[in-house]
Amino acid sequence: MTKADIVYNIARQTGIDKVTISTCIEAFTKNISDSLAAGVPVYLRGFGSFILKTRKEKLGRNISQNTSLVIPEHKIAAFKPSTKLAVRVK
């Protein structure tokens, strides 16, 4: 499912025009992105959590040059589904 599919489905279910829904979805995703960039997790009760996970420093390989390099510790965004969502998906 794409963002356009989501906009279409919400517009059909609510009767709100697609432009307004698209603007709301853009604002929603921007707020989540900004919060994670600031190091603040986002919790959506009944749906799940957008959190930051820390990856430890590790040794990687550059296959084309056959050399080793150190990949520094870094953070990644992750989604953890709520129990309700996990049960529904199963």
N, C-alpha and C. Protein backbone atom coordinates (compact mmCIF):
# COMPACT_ATOMS: atom_id res chain seq x y z
N MET A 1 0.85 -1.18 0.00
CA MET A 1 0.00 0.00 0.00
C MET A 1 0.89 1.23 0.00
N THR A 2 0.56 2.18 -0.85
CA THR A 2 1.33 3.42 -0.95
C THR A 2 0.61 4.55 -0.21
N LYS A 3 1.29 5.68 -0.10
CA LYS A 3 0.68 6.83 0.54
C LYS A 3 -0.56 7.28 -0.24
N ALA A 4 -0.52 7.20 -1.56
CA ALA A 4 -1.66 7.57 -2.39
C ALA A 4 -2.86 6.65 -2.10
N ASP A 5 -2.60 5.37 -1.89
CA ASP A 5 -3.67 4.43 -1.54
C ASP A 5 -4.29 4.79 -0.19
N ILE A 6 -3.45 5.15 0.76
CA ILE A 6 -3.95 5.54 2.09
C ILE A 6 -4.81 6.80 1.98
N VAL A 7 -4.33 7.79 1.23
CA VAL A 7 -5.09 9.04 1.04
C VAL A 7 -6.44 8.72 0.40
N TYR A 8 -6.44 7.89 -0.62
CA TYR A 8 -7.68 7.53 -1.31
C TYR A 8 -8.65 6.83 -0.36
N ASN A 9 -8.16 5.87 0.40
CA ASN A 9 -9.04 5.13 1.32
C ASN A 9 -9.63 6.02 2.40
N ILE A 10 -8.82 6.90 2.98
CA ILE A 10 -9.32 7.81 4.02
C ILE A 10 -10.33 8.78 3.43
N ALA A 11 -10.06 9.29 2.23
CA ALA A 11 -11.00 10.22 1.58
C ALA A 11 -12.33 9.53 1.31
N ARG A 12 -12.28 8.30 0.89
CA ARG A 12 -13.50 7.55 0.61
C ARG A 12 -14.29 7.27 1.89
N GLN A 13 -13.58 6.96 2.98
CA GLN A 13 -14.25 6.63 4.24
C GLN A 13 -14.80 7.84 4.96
N THR A 14 -14.12 9.00 4.84
CA THR A 14 -14.52 10.17 5.62
C THR A 14 -15.23 11.25 4.82
N GLY A 15 -15.06 11.28 3.52
CA GLY A 15 -15.66 12.33 2.71
C GLY A 15 -14.84 13.61 2.68
N ILE A 16 -13.66 13.60 3.28
CA ILE A 16 -12.78 14.77 3.27
C ILE A 16 -11.97 14.73 1.97
N ASP A 17 -11.69 15.92 1.42
CA ASP A 17 -10.97 15.95 0.15
C ASP A 17 -9.54 15.44 0.28
N LYS A 18 -9.02 14.91 -0.82
CA LYS A 18 -7.71 14.26 -0.83
C LYS A 18 -6.57 15.23 -0.49
N VAL A 19 -6.68 16.49 -0.89
CA VAL A 19 -5.62 17.46 -0.62
C VAL A 19 -5.45 17.67 0.89
N THR A 20 -6.56 17.79 1.59
CA THR A 20 -6.52 17.98 3.04
C THR A 20 -5.93 16.75 3.73
N ILE A 21 -6.33 15.58 3.31
CA ILE A 21 -5.81 14.35 3.90
C ILE A 21 -4.32 14.21 3.62
N SER A 22 -3.91 14.51 2.39
CA SER A 22 -2.49 14.43 2.04
C SER A 22 -1.67 15.38 2.89
N THR A 23 -2.19 16.59 3.13
CA THR A 23 -1.51 17.57 3.97
C THR A 23 -1.39 17.05 5.40
N CYS A 24 -2.45 16.44 5.91
CA CYS A 24 -2.42 15.88 7.27
C CYS A 24 -1.41 14.75 7.39
N ILE A 25 -1.37 13.88 6.40
CA ILE A 25 -0.42 12.77 6.44
C ILE A 25 1.02 13.28 6.37
N GLU A 26 1.27 14.29 5.53
CA GLU A 26 2.60 14.90 5.45
C GLU A 26 3.00 15.50 6.80
N ALA A 27 2.07 16.20 7.44
CA ALA A 27 2.36 16.81 8.74
C ALA A 27 2.61 15.74 9.80
N PHE A 28 1.84 14.66 9.75
CA PHE A 28 1.99 13.54 10.69
C PHE A 28 3.39 12.92 10.55
N THR A 29 3.78 12.60 9.33
CA THR A 29 5.09 11.97 9.13
C THR A 29 6.23 12.93 9.46
N LYS A 30 6.03 14.22 9.18
CA LYS A 30 7.07 15.21 9.52
C LYS A 30 7.23 15.31 11.03
N ASN A 31 6.13 15.28 11.77
CA ASN A 31 6.20 15.34 13.23
C ASN A 31 6.92 14.12 13.80
N ILE A 32 6.65 12.96 13.26
CA ILE A 32 7.34 11.75 13.71
C ILE A 32 8.83 11.85 13.40
N SER A 33 9.16 12.27 12.18
CA SER A 33 10.57 12.41 11.79
C SER A 33 11.30 13.43 12.65
N ASP A 34 10.66 14.57 12.90
CA ASP A 34 11.29 15.61 13.72
C ASP A 34 11.50 15.13 15.16
N SER A 35 10.53 14.41 15.69
CA SER A 35 10.65 13.89 17.06
C SER A 35 11.80 12.90 17.16
N LEU A 36 11.89 11.98 16.20
CA LEU A 36 12.96 10.99 16.24
C LEU A 36 14.33 11.65 16.03
N ALA A 37 14.39 12.66 15.17
CA ALA A 37 15.65 13.38 14.96
C ALA A 37 16.09 14.08 16.24
N ALA A 38 15.13 14.50 17.06
CA ALA A 38 15.44 15.16 18.33
C ALA A 38 15.69 14.15 19.45
N GLY A 39 15.54 12.85 19.13
CA GLY A 39 15.79 11.82 20.13
C GLY A 39 14.60 11.50 20.99
N VAL A 40 13.40 11.93 20.58
CA VAL A 40 12.19 11.71 21.36
C VAL A 40 11.35 10.61 20.69
N PRO A 41 11.07 9.51 21.39
CA PRO A 41 10.24 8.46 20.79
C PRO A 41 8.78 8.90 20.67
N VAL A 42 8.05 8.27 19.76
CA VAL A 42 6.65 8.59 19.51
C VAL A 42 5.82 7.36 19.85
N TYR A 43 4.84 7.52 20.75
CA TYR A 43 3.99 6.41 21.18
C TYR A 43 2.57 6.65 20.69
N LEU A 44 2.03 5.70 19.93
CA LEU A 44 0.65 5.77 19.47
C LEU A 44 -0.10 4.60 20.09
N ARG A 45 -0.83 4.88 21.15
CA ARG A 45 -1.52 3.84 21.91
C ARG A 45 -2.43 3.02 21.00
N GLY A 46 -2.32 1.71 21.10
CA GLY A 46 -3.13 0.81 20.30
C GLY A 46 -2.56 0.52 18.93
N PHE A 47 -1.50 1.23 18.53
CA PHE A 47 -0.89 1.02 17.22
C PHE A 47 0.55 0.57 17.35
N GLY A 48 1.38 1.38 18.03
CA GLY A 48 2.78 1.02 18.22
C GLY A 48 3.63 2.22 18.56
N SER A 49 4.94 2.00 18.58
CA SER A 49 5.89 3.05 18.97
C SER A 49 6.97 3.19 17.92
N PHE A 50 7.31 4.43 17.62
CA PHE A 50 8.47 4.72 16.79
C PHE A 50 9.59 5.08 17.75
N ILE A 51 10.64 4.29 17.76
CA ILE A 51 11.71 4.46 18.74
C ILE A 51 13.06 4.53 18.04
N LEU A 52 14.07 4.93 18.79
CA LEU A 52 15.45 4.92 18.29
C LEU A 52 16.19 3.76 18.93
N LYS A 53 16.91 3.02 18.11
CA LYS A 53 17.76 1.95 18.61
C LYS A 53 19.20 2.32 18.31
N THR A 54 20.09 1.95 19.23
CA THR A 54 21.50 2.23 19.06
C THR A 54 22.21 0.98 18.56
N ARG A 55 22.89 1.11 17.44
CA ARG A 55 23.71 0.02 16.91
C ARG A 55 25.13 0.21 17.41
N LYS A 56 25.73 -0.84 17.94
CA LYS A 56 27.09 -0.75 18.48
C LYS A 56 28.11 -0.61 17.35
N GLU A 57 29.27 -0.12 17.71
CA GLU A 57 30.38 -0.04 16.76
C GLU A 57 30.75 -1.45 16.32
N LYS A 58 31.03 -1.61 15.03
CA LYS A 58 31.39 -2.94 14.55
C LYS A 58 32.40 -2.83 13.41
N LEU A 59 32.98 -3.95 13.09
CA LEU A 59 33.96 -4.04 12.02
C LEU A 59 33.25 -4.48 10.75
N GLY A 60 33.38 -3.69 9.69
CA GLY A 60 32.77 -4.01 8.41
C GLY A 60 33.83 -4.31 7.36
N ARG A 61 33.39 -4.71 6.18
CA ARG A 61 34.34 -5.03 5.12
C ARG A 61 33.96 -4.28 3.85
N ASN A 62 34.97 -3.76 3.18
CA ASN A 62 34.81 -3.19 1.85
C ASN A 62 35.25 -4.28 0.88
N ILE A 63 34.29 -4.97 0.29
CA ILE A 63 34.59 -6.14 -0.53
C ILE A 63 35.37 -5.76 -1.78
N SER A 64 35.07 -4.63 -2.39
CA SER A 64 35.73 -4.26 -3.64
C SER A 64 37.22 -4.00 -3.44
N GLN A 65 37.61 -3.47 -2.27
CA GLN A 65 39.02 -3.19 -2.00
C GLN A 65 39.63 -4.21 -1.06
N ASN A 66 38.83 -5.16 -0.58
CA ASN A 66 39.28 -6.20 0.34
C ASN A 66 39.95 -5.60 1.59
N THR A 67 39.28 -4.61 2.17
CA THR A 67 39.80 -3.97 3.38
C THR A 67 38.73 -3.98 4.47
N SER A 68 39.18 -3.81 5.70
CA SER A 68 38.27 -3.71 6.84
C SER A 68 38.11 -2.25 7.22
N LEU A 69 36.95 -1.92 7.74
CA LEU A 69 36.73 -0.57 8.23
C LEU A 69 35.83 -0.63 9.45
N VAL A 70 35.95 0.38 10.28
CA VAL A 70 35.16 0.44 11.51
C VAL A 70 33.89 1.25 11.23
N ILE A 71 32.76 0.64 11.51
CA ILE A 71 31.48 1.34 11.40
C ILE A 71 31.16 1.86 12.80
N PRO A 72 31.10 3.18 12.97
CA PRO A 72 30.90 3.73 14.32
C PRO A 72 29.50 3.44 14.86
N GLU A 73 29.35 3.60 16.17
CA GLU A 73 28.05 3.45 16.81
C GLU A 73 27.10 4.48 16.21
N HIS A 74 25.87 4.06 15.93
CA HIS A 74 24.89 4.97 15.34
C HIS A 74 23.49 4.56 15.75
N LYS A 75 22.55 5.46 15.53
CA LYS A 75 21.16 5.21 15.89
C LYS A 75 20.35 4.97 14.62
N ILE A 76 19.32 4.11 14.77
CA ILE A 76 18.40 3.86 13.67
C ILE A 76 16.98 4.00 14.20
N ALA A 77 16.07 4.37 13.30
CA ALA A 77 14.66 4.44 13.65
C ALA A 77 14.07 3.04 13.55
N ALA A 78 13.18 2.71 14.48
CA ALA A 78 12.54 1.39 14.48
C ALA A 78 11.09 1.55 14.89
N PHE A 79 10.28 0.60 14.45
CA PHE A 79 8.87 0.58 14.83
C PHE A 79 8.61 -0.67 15.65
N LYS A 80 7.96 -0.50 16.78
CA LYS A 80 7.59 -1.63 17.63
C LYS A 80 6.07 -1.65 17.71
N PRO A 81 5.43 -2.67 17.13
CA PRO A 81 3.96 -2.70 17.14
C PRO A 81 3.41 -2.95 18.53
N SER A 82 2.20 -2.43 18.77
CA SER A 82 1.53 -2.68 20.04
C SER A 82 1.07 -4.13 20.09
N THR A 83 0.72 -4.57 21.27
CA THR A 83 0.23 -5.94 21.43
C THR A 83 -1.04 -6.16 20.61
N LYS A 84 -1.93 -5.17 20.61
CA LYS A 84 -3.18 -5.28 19.84
C LYS A 84 -2.89 -5.45 18.36
N LEU A 85 -1.97 -4.66 17.83
CA LEU A 85 -1.62 -4.76 16.41
C LEU A 85 -0.95 -6.08 16.11
N ALA A 86 -0.07 -6.52 16.96
CA ALA A 86 0.63 -7.78 16.74
C ALA A 86 -0.35 -8.95 16.71
N VAL A 87 -1.33 -8.94 17.62
CA VAL A 87 -2.33 -10.01 17.65
C VAL A 87 -3.19 -9.96 16.39
N ARG A 88 -3.55 -8.78 15.96
CA ARG A 88 -4.40 -8.63 14.77
C ARG A 88 -3.68 -9.10 13.51
N VAL A 89 -2.39 -8.84 13.42
CA VAL A 89 -1.61 -9.24 12.25
C VAL A 89 -1.44 -10.76 12.21
N LYS A 90 -1.26 -11.36 13.39
CA LYS A 90 -1.09 -12.82 13.45
C LYS A 90 -2.38 -13.48 13.02
